[in-house]
């Protein structure tokens, strides 16, 4: 048997606010919360389902005292499914994302952005029909 990728943990100052941002971006819902921790996902995992097959991971936002200081070594790539990439970037900016420069250069097929706490992510090509 192997391991399963079950959660992506994100250190942050404000778990509630960052979870709310990512819920809007990904159409996820809050599935659990405790002091200093908010978990979001597209489903509520059960041990039996996770054992049976690989399921989409959840995201856990954990409160930490320190701030982000350098470029992420791991980041999310997202693809819009019902609009153009440009329209999705506009929506994300309205949610509190910013455009980010991590040295990617001007001629890329993706756009680097940052969430409200500065964590980089990329917006890829649209998957809209």
Protein backbone atom coordinates (compact mmCIF):
# COMPACT_ATOMS: atom_id res chain seq x y z
CA UNK A 1 0.00 0.00 0.00
CA UNK A 2 1.11 3.56 -0.63
CA UNK A 3 0.38 6.88 1.01
CA UNK A 4 -2.29 9.31 -0.17
CA UNK A 5 -2.01 13.06 -0.75
CA UNK A 6 -4.81 14.15 1.58
CA UNK A 7 -4.16 17.80 2.51
CA UNK A 8 -2.13 20.77 1.46
CA UNK A 9 -1.14 22.80 4.53
CA UNK A 10 -0.70 26.56 4.20
CA UNK A 11 0.86 28.59 7.01
CA UNK A 12 -0.76 32.00 7.38
CA UNK A 13 -1.66 34.85 9.74
CA UNK A 14 -5.44 34.75 9.22
CA UNK A 15 -6.77 31.24 8.47
CA UNK A 16 -10.41 32.38 8.24
CA UNK A 17 -9.69 35.11 5.68
CA UNK A 18 -7.33 33.02 3.57
CA UNK A 19 -9.70 30.03 3.61
CA UNK A 20 -12.53 32.34 2.49
CA UNK A 21 -10.38 33.61 -0.41
CA UNK A 22 -9.52 30.09 -1.58
CA UNK A 23 -13.13 28.91 -1.17
CA UNK A 24 -14.15 31.63 -3.64
CA UNK A 25 -11.29 30.81 -6.03
CA UNK A 26 -11.88 27.04 -6.07
CA UNK A 27 -15.59 26.77 -5.19
CA UNK A 28 -14.65 24.85 -2.03
CA UNK A 29 -16.47 24.89 1.30
CA UNK A 30 -15.22 24.99 4.87
CA UNK A 31 -15.31 21.37 6.08
CA UNK A 32 -13.64 21.76 9.48
CA UNK A 33 -12.35 24.45 11.78
CA UNK A 34 -10.71 24.67 15.16
CA UNK A 35 -8.65 27.29 16.96
CA UNK A 36 -6.12 28.62 14.45
CA UNK A 37 -7.02 26.09 11.71
CA UNK A 38 -9.53 26.06 8.85
CA UNK A 39 -9.86 23.14 6.42
CA UNK A 40 -11.59 23.55 3.06
CA UNK A 41 -12.37 21.13 0.29
CA UNK A 42 -14.66 20.05 -2.51
CA UNK A 43 -15.85 17.09 -0.43
CA UNK A 44 -15.83 15.84 3.15
CA UNK A 45 -13.27 13.03 3.27
CA UNK A 46 -13.91 9.78 5.06
CA UNK A 47 -11.20 7.29 5.98
CA UNK A 48 -12.92 4.59 3.92
CA UNK A 49 -13.02 6.69 0.74
CA UNK A 50 -9.41 7.80 1.12
CA UNK A 51 -8.28 4.21 1.63
CA UNK A 52 -10.25 3.05 -1.42
CA UNK A 53 -8.87 5.52 -3.97
CA UNK A 54 -7.02 8.78 -4.45
CA UNK A 55 -9.43 11.64 -3.85
CA UNK A 56 -8.94 15.40 -4.29
CA UNK A 57 -6.89 16.82 -1.41
CA UNK A 58 -8.23 19.40 1.00
CA UNK A 59 -6.45 22.61 2.01
CA UNK A 60 -5.66 23.40 5.65
CA UNK A 61 -4.86 26.96 6.71
CA UNK A 62 -2.81 27.01 9.91
CA UNK A 63 -2.14 30.17 11.93
CA UNK A 64 1.57 30.86 12.47
CA UNK A 65 3.26 33.93 13.96
CA UNK A 66 5.88 34.51 11.27
CA UNK A 67 5.24 36.06 7.88
CA UNK A 68 6.20 34.83 4.42
CA UNK A 69 9.73 35.94 3.52
CA UNK A 70 10.74 34.28 0.22
CA UNK A 71 9.26 32.87 -2.98
CA UNK A 72 7.28 29.67 -2.44
CA UNK A 73 9.06 26.46 -3.41
CA UNK A 74 5.66 24.82 -3.90
CA UNK A 75 2.62 26.56 -5.39
CA UNK A 76 -0.80 25.87 -6.86
CA UNK A 77 -1.59 26.07 -10.57
CA UNK A 78 -5.21 26.79 -11.38
CA UNK A 79 -7.10 26.72 -14.68
CA UNK A 80 -10.37 28.59 -15.27
CA UNK A 81 -13.15 26.25 -16.40
CA UNK A 82 -15.96 28.60 -17.40
CA UNK A 83 -14.33 31.83 -18.58
CA UNK A 84 -11.24 33.16 -20.30
CA UNK A 85 -7.94 33.37 -18.45
CA UNK A 86 -8.14 37.18 -18.62
CA UNK A 87 -11.65 37.20 -17.09
CA UNK A 88 -10.50 34.84 -14.34
CA UNK A 89 -7.53 37.09 -13.52
CA UNK A 90 -9.93 40.03 -13.23
CA UNK A 91 -12.16 37.99 -10.87
CA UNK A 92 -9.16 36.97 -8.75
CA UNK A 93 -7.95 40.57 -8.49
CA UNK A 94 -11.42 41.49 -7.25
CA UNK A 95 -11.16 38.79 -4.56
CA UNK A 96 -7.89 40.25 -3.26
CA UNK A 97 -5.21 38.52 -5.31
CA UNK A 98 -2.36 40.53 -6.81
CA UNK A 99 -0.12 40.02 -9.81
CA UNK A 100 3.32 38.80 -8.76
CA UNK A 101 6.78 38.95 -10.28
CA UNK A 102 9.00 36.02 -9.34
CA UNK A 103 11.35 36.51 -12.29
CA UNK A 104 9.17 34.60 -14.76
CA UNK A 105 9.67 37.07 -17.61
CA UNK A 106 7.03 38.62 -19.88
CA UNK A 107 6.47 35.90 -22.51
CA UNK A 108 4.77 33.11 -20.58
CA UNK A 109 1.56 31.23 -21.20
CA UNK A 110 0.65 31.59 -17.51
CA UNK A 111 0.33 34.46 -15.07
CA UNK A 112 1.84 34.44 -11.59
CA UNK A 113 -0.40 35.86 -8.88
CA UNK A 114 -0.34 35.99 -5.08
CA UNK A 115 -3.13 35.36 -2.61
CA UNK A 116 -3.91 38.00 0.05
CA UNK A 117 -1.02 36.77 2.24
CA UNK A 118 1.50 36.73 -0.61
CA UNK A 119 1.53 33.01 -1.49
CA UNK A 120 2.23 32.67 -5.19
CA UNK A 121 0.02 30.68 -7.54
CA UNK A 122 -0.25 30.48 -11.31
CA UNK A 123 -3.25 30.97 -13.54
CA UNK A 124 -2.90 28.69 -16.56
CA UNK A 125 -4.78 28.51 -19.83
CA UNK A 126 -8.55 28.33 -19.76
CA UNK A 127 -10.33 24.99 -19.96
CA UNK A 128 -13.63 26.62 -20.95
CA UNK A 129 -15.33 25.15 -24.03
